């Protein structure tokens, strides 16, 4: 299992979602990769501090996003 999580969600803050995931015994060992656009270095450090497994700055190009997802899946699944 692998969770991709964008920090920019419409209703709830992505960091709050990450905290909730890591509090749930059935999910806390599931890798969570933050996949977000316009993120700062401080946001990256905060995500890792909340036990994110990875952090990817999402590209603006559809093809690059697709490639980033494929590479991340290959890394975590294989």
PDB file of N, CA and C in Angstrom:
ATOM      1  N   UNK A   1       0.835  -1.185   0.000  1.00  0.00           N
ATOM      2  CA  UNK A   1       0.000   0.000   0.000  1.00  0.00           C
ATOM      3  C   UNK A   1       0.876   1.243   0.000  1.00  0.00           C
ATOM      4  N   UNK A   2       0.351   2.293  -0.558  1.00  0.00           N
ATOM      5  CA  UNK A   2       1.042   3.575  -0.638  1.00  0.00           C
ATOM      6  C   UNK A   2      -0.013   4.671  -0.729  1.00  0.00           C
ATOM      7  N   UNK A   3       0.182   5.744   0.012  1.00  0.00           N
ATOM      8  CA  UNK A   3      -0.743   6.871  -0.031  1.00  0.00           C
ATOM      9  C   UNK A   3      -0.015   8.071  -0.631  1.00  0.00           C
ATOM     10  N   UNK A   4      -0.614   8.648  -1.690  1.00  0.00           N
ATOM     11  CA  UNK A   4      -0.174   9.936  -2.218  1.00  0.00           C
ATOM     12  C   UNK A   4      -1.064  10.986  -1.567  1.00  0.00           C
ATOM     13  N   UNK A   5      -0.463  12.018  -1.015  1.00  0.00           N
ATOM     14  CA  UNK A   5      -1.237  13.044  -0.326  1.00  0.00           C
ATOM     15  C   UNK A   5      -0.789  14.427  -0.777  1.00  0.00           C
ATOM     16  N   UNK A   6      -1.721  15.194  -1.287  1.00  0.00           N
ATOM     17  CA  UNK A   6      -1.454  16.586  -1.648  1.00  0.00           C
ATOM     18  C   UNK A   6      -1.727  17.444  -0.421  1.00  0.00           C
ATOM     19  N   UNK A   7      -0.894  18.419  -0.157  1.00  0.00           N
ATOM     20  CA  UNK A   7      -1.094  19.293   0.993  1.00  0.00           C
ATOM     21  C   UNK A   7      -2.212  20.298   0.759  1.00  0.00           C
ATOM     22  N   UNK A   8      -2.495  20.603  -0.501  1.00  0.00           N
ATOM     23  CA  UNK A   8      -3.510  21.608  -0.840  1.00  0.00           C
ATOM     24  C   UNK A   8      -4.849  20.928  -1.091  1.00  0.00           C
ATOM     25  N   UNK A   9      -5.584  20.714  -0.029  1.00  0.00           N
ATOM     26  CA  UNK A   9      -6.903  20.097  -0.140  1.00  0.00           C
ATOM     27  C   UNK A   9      -7.970  21.179   0.051  1.00  0.00           C
ATOM     28  N   UNK A  10      -9.146  20.991  -0.540  1.00  0.00           N
ATOM     29  CA  UNK A  10     -10.147  22.050  -0.511  1.00  0.00           C
ATOM     30  C   UNK A  10     -10.785  22.309   0.862  1.00  0.00           C
ATOM     31  N   UNK A  11     -10.902  21.294   1.698  1.00  0.00           N
ATOM     32  CA  UNK A  11     -11.629  21.477   2.951  1.00  0.00           C
ATOM     33  C   UNK A  11     -10.741  21.332   4.177  1.00  0.00           C
ATOM     34  N   UNK A  12      -9.857  20.358   4.172  1.00  0.00           N
ATOM     35  CA  UNK A  12      -9.006  20.085   5.332  1.00  0.00           C
ATOM     36  C   UNK A  12      -7.538  20.264   4.944  1.00  0.00           C
ATOM     37  N   UNK A  13      -6.735  20.677   5.882  1.00  0.00           N
ATOM     38  CA  UNK A  13      -5.311  20.858   5.656  1.00  0.00           C
ATOM     39  C   UNK A  13      -4.639  19.499   5.472  1.00  0.00           C
ATOM     40  N   UNK A  14      -3.781  19.388   4.478  1.00  0.00           N
ATOM     41  CA  UNK A  14      -3.082  18.127   4.222  1.00  0.00           C
ATOM     42  C   UNK A  14      -2.250  17.642   5.393  1.00  0.00           C
ATOM     43  N   UNK A  15      -1.692  18.562   6.169  1.00  0.00           N
ATOM     44  CA  UNK A  15      -0.930  18.158   7.351  1.00  0.00           C
ATOM     45  C   UNK A  15      -1.837  17.490   8.385  1.00  0.00           C
ATOM     46  N   UNK A  16      -3.074  17.974   8.495  1.00  0.00           N
ATOM     47  CA  UNK A  16      -4.021  17.350   9.419  1.00  0.00           C
ATOM     48  C   UNK A  16      -4.376  15.939   8.961  1.00  0.00           C
ATOM     49  N   UNK A  17      -4.494  15.750   7.659  1.00  0.00           N
ATOM     50  CA  UNK A  17      -4.759  14.415   7.126  1.00  0.00           C
ATOM     51  C   UNK A  17      -3.575  13.492   7.435  1.00  0.00           C
ATOM     52  N   UNK A  18      -2.363  13.983   7.232  1.00  0.00           N
ATOM     53  CA  UNK A  18      -1.168  13.190   7.522  1.00  0.00           C
ATOM     54  C   UNK A  18      -1.129  12.797   8.996  1.00  0.00           C
ATOM     55  N   UNK A  19      -1.408  13.744   9.887  1.00  0.00           N
ATOM     56  CA  UNK A  19      -1.442  13.440  11.326  1.00  0.00           C
ATOM     57  C   UNK A  19      -2.469  12.353  11.617  1.00  0.00           C
ATOM     58  N   UNK A  20      -3.638  12.466  11.013  1.00  0.00           N
ATOM     59  CA  UNK A  20      -4.697  11.488  11.237  1.00  0.00           C
ATOM     60  C   UNK A  20      -4.299  10.099  10.740  1.00  0.00           C
ATOM     61  N   UNK A  21      -3.684  10.045   9.573  1.00  0.00           N
ATOM     62  CA  UNK A  21      -3.219   8.764   9.026  1.00  0.00           C
ATOM     63  C   UNK A  21      -2.242   8.115   9.985  1.00  0.00           C
ATOM     64  N   UNK A  22      -1.295   8.882  10.468  1.00  0.00           N
ATOM     65  CA  UNK A  22      -0.243   8.323  11.321  1.00  0.00           C
ATOM     66  C   UNK A  22      -0.735   7.975  12.724  1.00  0.00           C
ATOM     67  N   UNK A  23      -1.921   8.461  13.112  1.00  0.00           N
ATOM     68  CA  UNK A  23      -2.516   8.098  14.402  1.00  0.00           C
ATOM     69  C   UNK A  23      -3.300   6.790  14.336  1.00  0.00           C
ATOM     70  N   UNK A  24      -3.663   6.381  13.145  1.00  0.00           N
ATOM     71  CA  UNK A  24      -4.505   5.180  12.982  1.00  0.00           C
ATOM     72  C   UNK A  24      -3.619   3.935  12.923  1.00  0.00           C
ATOM     73  N   UNK A  25      -3.813   3.025  13.854  1.00  0.00           N
ATOM     74  CA  UNK A  25      -2.957   1.824  13.896  1.00  0.00           C
ATOM     75  C   UNK A  25      -2.929   1.041  12.579  1.00  0.00           C
ATOM     76  N   UNK A  26      -4.057   0.991  11.880  1.00  0.00           N
ATOM     77  CA  UNK A  26      -4.108   0.219  10.636  1.00  0.00           C
ATOM     78  C   UNK A  26      -3.448   0.929   9.452  1.00  0.00           C
ATOM     79  N   UNK A  27      -3.094   2.210   9.610  1.00  0.00           N
ATOM     80  CA  UNK A  27      -2.476   2.977   8.520  1.00  0.00           C
ATOM     81  C   UNK A  27      -1.096   3.514   8.852  1.00  0.00           C
ATOM     82  N   UNK A  28      -0.721   3.524  10.136  1.00  0.00           N
ATOM     83  CA  UNK A  28       0.490   4.241  10.519  1.00  0.00           C
ATOM     84  C   UNK A  28       1.766   3.702   9.886  1.00  0.00           C
ATOM     85  N   UNK A  29       1.777   2.458   9.424  1.00  0.00           N
ATOM     86  CA  UNK A  29       2.966   1.920   8.752  1.00  0.00           C
ATOM     87  C   UNK A  29       2.886   1.999   7.235  1.00  0.00           C
ATOM     88  N   UNK A  30       1.787   2.529   6.731  1.00  0.00           N
ATOM     89  CA  UNK A  30       1.630   2.702   5.291  1.00  0.00           C
ATOM     90  C   UNK A  30       2.433   3.927   4.863  1.00  0.00           C
ATOM     91  N   UNK A  31       3.307   3.790   3.860  1.00  0.00           N
ATOM     92  CA  UNK A  31       4.071   4.953   3.408  1.00  0.00           C
ATOM     93  C   UNK A  31       3.152   6.043   2.861  1.00  0.00           C
ATOM     94  N   UNK A  32       3.432   7.276   3.258  1.00  0.00           N
ATOM     95  CA  UNK A  32       2.684   8.437   2.761  1.00  0.00           C
ATOM     96  C   UNK A  32       3.678   9.341   2.046  1.00  0.00           C
ATOM     97  N   UNK A  33       3.444   9.524   0.760  1.00  0.00           N
ATOM     98  CA  UNK A  33       4.291  10.395  -0.041  1.00  0.00           C
ATOM     99  C   UNK A  33       3.517  11.686  -0.299  1.00  0.00           C
ATOM    100  N   UNK A  34       4.094  12.784   0.142  1.00  0.00           N
ATOM    101  CA  UNK A  34       3.486  14.085  -0.102  1.00  0.00           C
ATOM    102  C   UNK A  34       3.800  14.475  -1.540  1.00  0.00           C
ATOM    103  N   UNK A  35       2.771  14.872  -2.248  1.00  0.00           N
ATOM    104  CA  UNK A  35       2.866  15.180  -3.665  1.00  0.00           C
ATOM    105  C   UNK A  35       2.179  16.519  -3.843  1.00  0.00           C
ATOM    106  N   UNK A  36       2.940  17.607  -3.802  1.00  0.00           N
ATOM    107  CA  UNK A  36       2.310  18.909  -3.733  1.00  0.00           C
ATOM    108  C   UNK A  36       3.012  19.939  -4.613  1.00  0.00           C
ATOM    109  N   UNK A  37       2.255  20.924  -5.017  1.00  0.00           N
ATOM    110  CA  UNK A  37       2.766  22.006  -5.842  1.00  0.00           C
ATOM    111  C   UNK A  37       2.953  23.242  -4.966  1.00  0.00           C
ATOM    112  N   UNK A  38       3.933  24.049  -5.286  1.00  0.00           N
ATOM    113  CA  UNK A  38       4.178  25.305  -4.561  1.00  0.00           C
ATOM    114  C   UNK A  38       4.500  25.084  -3.088  1.00  0.00           C
ATOM    115  N   UNK A  39       5.265  24.076  -2.790  1.00  0.00           N
ATOM    116  CA  UNK A  39       5.609  23.789  -1.405  1.00  0.00           C
ATOM    117  C   UNK A  39       6.964  24.381  -1.055  1.00  0.00           C
ATOM    118  N   UNK A  40       7.085  24.798   0.184  1.00  0.00           N
ATOM    119  CA  UNK A  40       8.327  25.390   0.652  1.00  0.00           C
ATOM    120  C   UNK A  40       9.187  24.343   1.362  1.00  0.00           C
ATOM    121  N   UNK A  41      10.420  24.702   1.607  1.00  0.00           N
ATOM    122  CA  UNK A  41      11.330  23.833   2.344  1.00  0.00           C
ATOM    123  C   UNK A  41      10.784  23.560   3.751  1.00  0.00           C
ATOM    124  N   UNK A  42      10.187  24.572   4.375  1.00  0.00           N
ATOM    125  CA  UNK A  42       9.603  24.410   5.706  1.00  0.00           C
ATOM    126  C   UNK A  42       8.457  23.398   5.693  1.00  0.00           C
ATOM    127  N   UNK A  43       7.643  23.422   4.631  1.00  0.00           N
ATOM    128  CA  UNK A  43       6.558  22.444   4.527  1.00  0.00           C
ATOM    129  C   UNK A  43       7.114  21.037   4.388  1.00  0.00           C
ATOM    130  N   UNK A  44       8.191  20.909   3.618  1.00  0.00           N
ATOM    131  CA  UNK A  44       8.817  19.602   3.462  1.00  0.00           C
ATOM    132  C   UNK A  44       9.330  19.091   4.809  1.00  0.00           C
ATOM    133  N   UNK A  45      10.013  19.951   5.552  1.00  0.00           N
ATOM    134  CA  UNK A  45      10.526  19.548   6.861  1.00  0.00           C
ATOM    135  C   UNK A  45       9.387  19.192   7.816  1.00  0.00           C
ATOM    136  N   UNK A  46       8.314  19.957   7.756  1.00  0.00           N
ATOM    137  CA  UNK A  46       7.154  19.658   8.613  1.00  0.00           C
ATOM    138  C   UNK A  46       6.559  18.300   8.253  1.00  0.00           C
ATOM    139  N   UNK A  47       6.445  18.016   6.967  1.00  0.00           N
ATOM    140  CA  UNK A  47       5.893  16.728   6.533  1.00  0.00           C
ATOM    141  C   UNK A  47       6.757  15.568   7.027  1.00  0.00           C
ATOM    142  N   UNK A  48       8.058  15.694   6.881  1.00  0.00           N
ATOM    143  CA  UNK A  48       8.944  14.637   7.374  1.00  0.00           C
ATOM    144  C   UNK A  48       8.865  14.523   8.898  1.00  0.00           C
ATOM    145  N   UNK A  49       8.688  15.646   9.576  1.00  0.00           N
ATOM    146  CA  UNK A  49       8.523  15.626  11.022  1.00  0.00           C
ATOM    147  C   UNK A  49       7.257  14.905  11.455  1.00  0.00           C
ATOM    148  N   UNK A  50       6.271  14.872  10.571  1.00  0.00           N
ATOM    149  CA  UNK A  50       5.020  14.153  10.828  1.00  0.00           C
ATOM    150  C   UNK A  50       5.046  12.744  10.247  1.00  0.00           C
ATOM    151  N   UNK A  51       6.233  12.287   9.893  1.00  0.00           N
ATOM    152  CA  UNK A  51       6.483  10.911   9.439  1.00  0.00           C
ATOM    153  C   UNK A  51       6.029  10.613   8.017  1.00  0.00           C
ATOM    154  N   UNK A  52       6.059  11.628   7.152  1.00  0.00           N
ATOM    155  CA  UNK A  52       5.858  11.357   5.732  1.00  0.00           C
ATOM    156  C   UNK A  52       7.047  10.525   5.251  1.00  0.00           C
ATOM    157  N   UNK A  53       6.802   9.673   4.294  1.00  0.00           N
ATOM    158  CA  UNK A  53       7.861   8.805   3.775  1.00  0.00           C
ATOM    159  C   UNK A  53       8.608   9.421   2.608  1.00  0.00           C
ATOM    160  N   UNK A  54       8.011  10.415   1.990  1.00  0.00           N
ATOM    161  CA  UNK A  54       8.643  11.072   0.861  1.00  0.00           C
ATOM    162  C   UNK A  54       7.939  12.381   0.566  1.00  0.00           C
ATOM    163  N   UNK A  55       8.597  13.215  -0.229  1.00  0.00           N
ATOM    164  CA  UNK A  55       8.040  14.522  -0.571  1.00  0.00           C
ATOM    165  C   UNK A  55       8.443  14.832  -2.006  1.00  0.00           C
ATOM    166  N   UNK A  56       7.455  15.061  -2.846  1.00  0.00           N
ATOM    167  CA  UNK A  56       7.711  15.354  -4.253  1.00  0.00           C
ATOM    168  C   UNK A  56       7.050  16.675  -4.608  1.00  0.00           C
ATOM    169  N   UNK A  57       7.818  17.575  -5.207  1.00  0.00           N
ATOM    170  CA  UNK A  57       7.256  18.813  -5.730  1.00  0.00           C
ATOM    171  C   UNK A  57       6.619  18.502  -7.071  1.00  0.00           C
ATOM    172  N   UNK A  58       5.312  18.583  -7.101  1.00  0.00           N
ATOM    173  CA  UNK A  58       4.542  18.218  -8.291  1.00  0.00           C
ATOM    174  C   UNK A  58       4.812  19.200  -9.423  1.00  0.00           C
ATOM    175  N   UNK A  59       5.041  18.661 -10.583  1.00  0.00           N
ATOM    176  CA  UNK A  59       5.290  19.455 -11.783  1.00  0.00           C
ATOM    177  C   UNK A  59       3.986  20.086 -12.276  1.00  0.00           C
ATOM    178  N   UNK A  60       4.107  21.054 -13.157  1.00  0.00           N
ATOM    179  CA  UNK A  60       2.935  21.676 -13.772  1.00  0.00           C
ATOM    180  C   UNK A  60       2.532  20.957 -15.055  1.00  0.00           C
ATOM    181  N   UNK A  61       3.392  20.109 -15.565  1.00  0.00           N
ATOM    182  CA  UNK A  61       3.135  19.386 -16.810  1.00  0.00           C
ATOM    183  C   UNK A  61       2.489  18.028 -16.511  1.00  0.00           C
ATOM    184  N   UNK A  62       1.407  17.722 -17.218  1.00  0.00           N
ATOM    185  CA  UNK A  62       0.725  16.438 -17.033  1.00  0.00           C
ATOM    186  C   UNK A  62       1.683  15.262 -17.234  1.00  0.00           C
ATOM    187  N   UNK A  63       2.471  15.304 -18.313  1.00  0.00           N
ATOM    188  CA  UNK A  63       3.387  14.198 -18.600  1.00  0.00           C
ATOM    189  C   UNK A  63       4.434  14.033 -17.509  1.00  0.00           C
ATOM    190  N   UNK A  64       4.923  15.145 -16.974  1.00  0.00           N
ATOM    191  CA  UNK A  64       5.906  15.064 -15.891  1.00  0.00           C
ATOM    192  C   UNK A  64       5.271  14.528 -14.606  1.00  0.00           C
ATOM    193  N   UNK A  65       4.043  14.934 -14.320  1.00  0.00           N
ATOM    194  CA  UNK A  65       3.338  14.402 -13.143  1.00  0.00           C
ATOM    195  C   UNK A  65       3.153  12.899 -13.285  1.00  0.00           C
ATOM    196  N   UNK A  66       2.732  12.472 -14.453  1.00  0.00           N
ATOM    197  CA  UNK A  66       2.553  11.036 -14.715  1.00  0.00           C
ATOM    198  C   UNK A  66       3.866  10.291 -14.501  1.00  0.00           C
ATOM    199  N   UNK A  67       4.965  10.842 -15.001  1.00  0.00           N
ATOM    200  CA  UNK A  67       6.275  10.210 -14.832  1.00  0.00           C
ATOM    201  C   UNK A  67       6.685  10.183 -13.366  1.00  0.00           C
ATOM    202  N   UNK A  68       6.419  11.265 -12.644  1.00  0.00           N
ATOM    203  CA  UNK A  68       6.744  11.302 -11.215  1.00  0.00           C
ATOM    204  C   UNK A  68       5.972  10.224 -10.455  1.00  0.00           C
ATOM    205  N   UNK A  69       4.701  10.059 -10.792  1.00  0.00           N
ATOM    206  CA  UNK A  69       3.890   9.027 -10.135  1.00  0.00           C
ATOM    207  C   UNK A  69       4.440   7.645 -10.458  1.00  0.00           C
ATOM    208  N   UNK A  70       4.749   7.381 -11.706  1.00  0.00           N
ATOM    209  CA  UNK A  70       5.281   6.064 -12.101  1.00  0.00           C
ATOM    210  C   UNK A  70       6.600   5.761 -11.401  1.00  0.00           C
ATOM    211  N   UNK A  71       7.483   6.746 -11.335  1.00  0.00           N
ATOM    212  CA  UNK A  71       8.775   6.537 -10.667  1.00  0.00           C
ATOM    213  C   UNK A  71       8.596   6.293  -9.174  1.00  0.00           C
ATOM    214  N   UNK A  72       7.685   7.025  -8.563  1.00  0.00           N
ATOM    215  CA  UNK A  72       7.438   6.852  -7.134  1.00  0.00           C
ATOM    216  C   UNK A  72       6.839   5.485  -6.859  1.00  0.00           C
ATOM    217  N   UNK A  73       5.891   5.071  -7.674  1.00  0.00           N
ATOM    218  CA  UNK A  73       5.306   3.738  -7.510  1.00  0.00           C
ATOM    219  C   UNK A  73       6.362   2.651  -7.693  1.00  0.00           C
ATOM    220  N   UNK A  74       7.199   2.801  -8.682  1.00  0.00           N
ATOM    221  CA  UNK A  74       8.253   1.807  -8.912  1.00  0.00           C
ATOM    222  C   UNK A  74       9.177   1.714  -7.714  1.00  0.00           C
ATOM    223  N   UNK A  75       9.514   2.838  -7.120  1.00  0.00           N
ATOM    224  CA  UNK A  75      10.397   2.859  -5.949  1.00  0.00           C
ATOM    225  C   UNK A  75       9.752   2.172  -4.759  1.00  0.00           C
ATOM    226  N   UNK A  76       8.508   2.530  -4.445  1.00  0.00           N
ATOM    227  CA  UNK A  76       7.865   2.020  -3.234  1.00  0.00           C
ATOM    228  C   UNK A  76       7.290   0.616  -3.398  1.00  0.00           C
ATOM    229  N   UNK A  77       6.836   0.269  -4.579  1.00  0.00           N
ATOM    230  CA  UNK A  77       6.209  -1.035  -4.774  1.00  0.00           C
ATOM    231  C   UNK A  77       7.262  -2.114  -5.048  1.00  0.00           C
ATOM    232  N   UNK A  78       8.329  -1.745  -5.721  1.00  0.00           N
ATOM    233  CA  UNK A  78       9.355  -2.741  -6.009  1.00  0.00           C
ATOM    234  C   UNK A  78      10.347  -2.703  -4.887  1.00  0.00           C
TER     235      UNK A  78
END
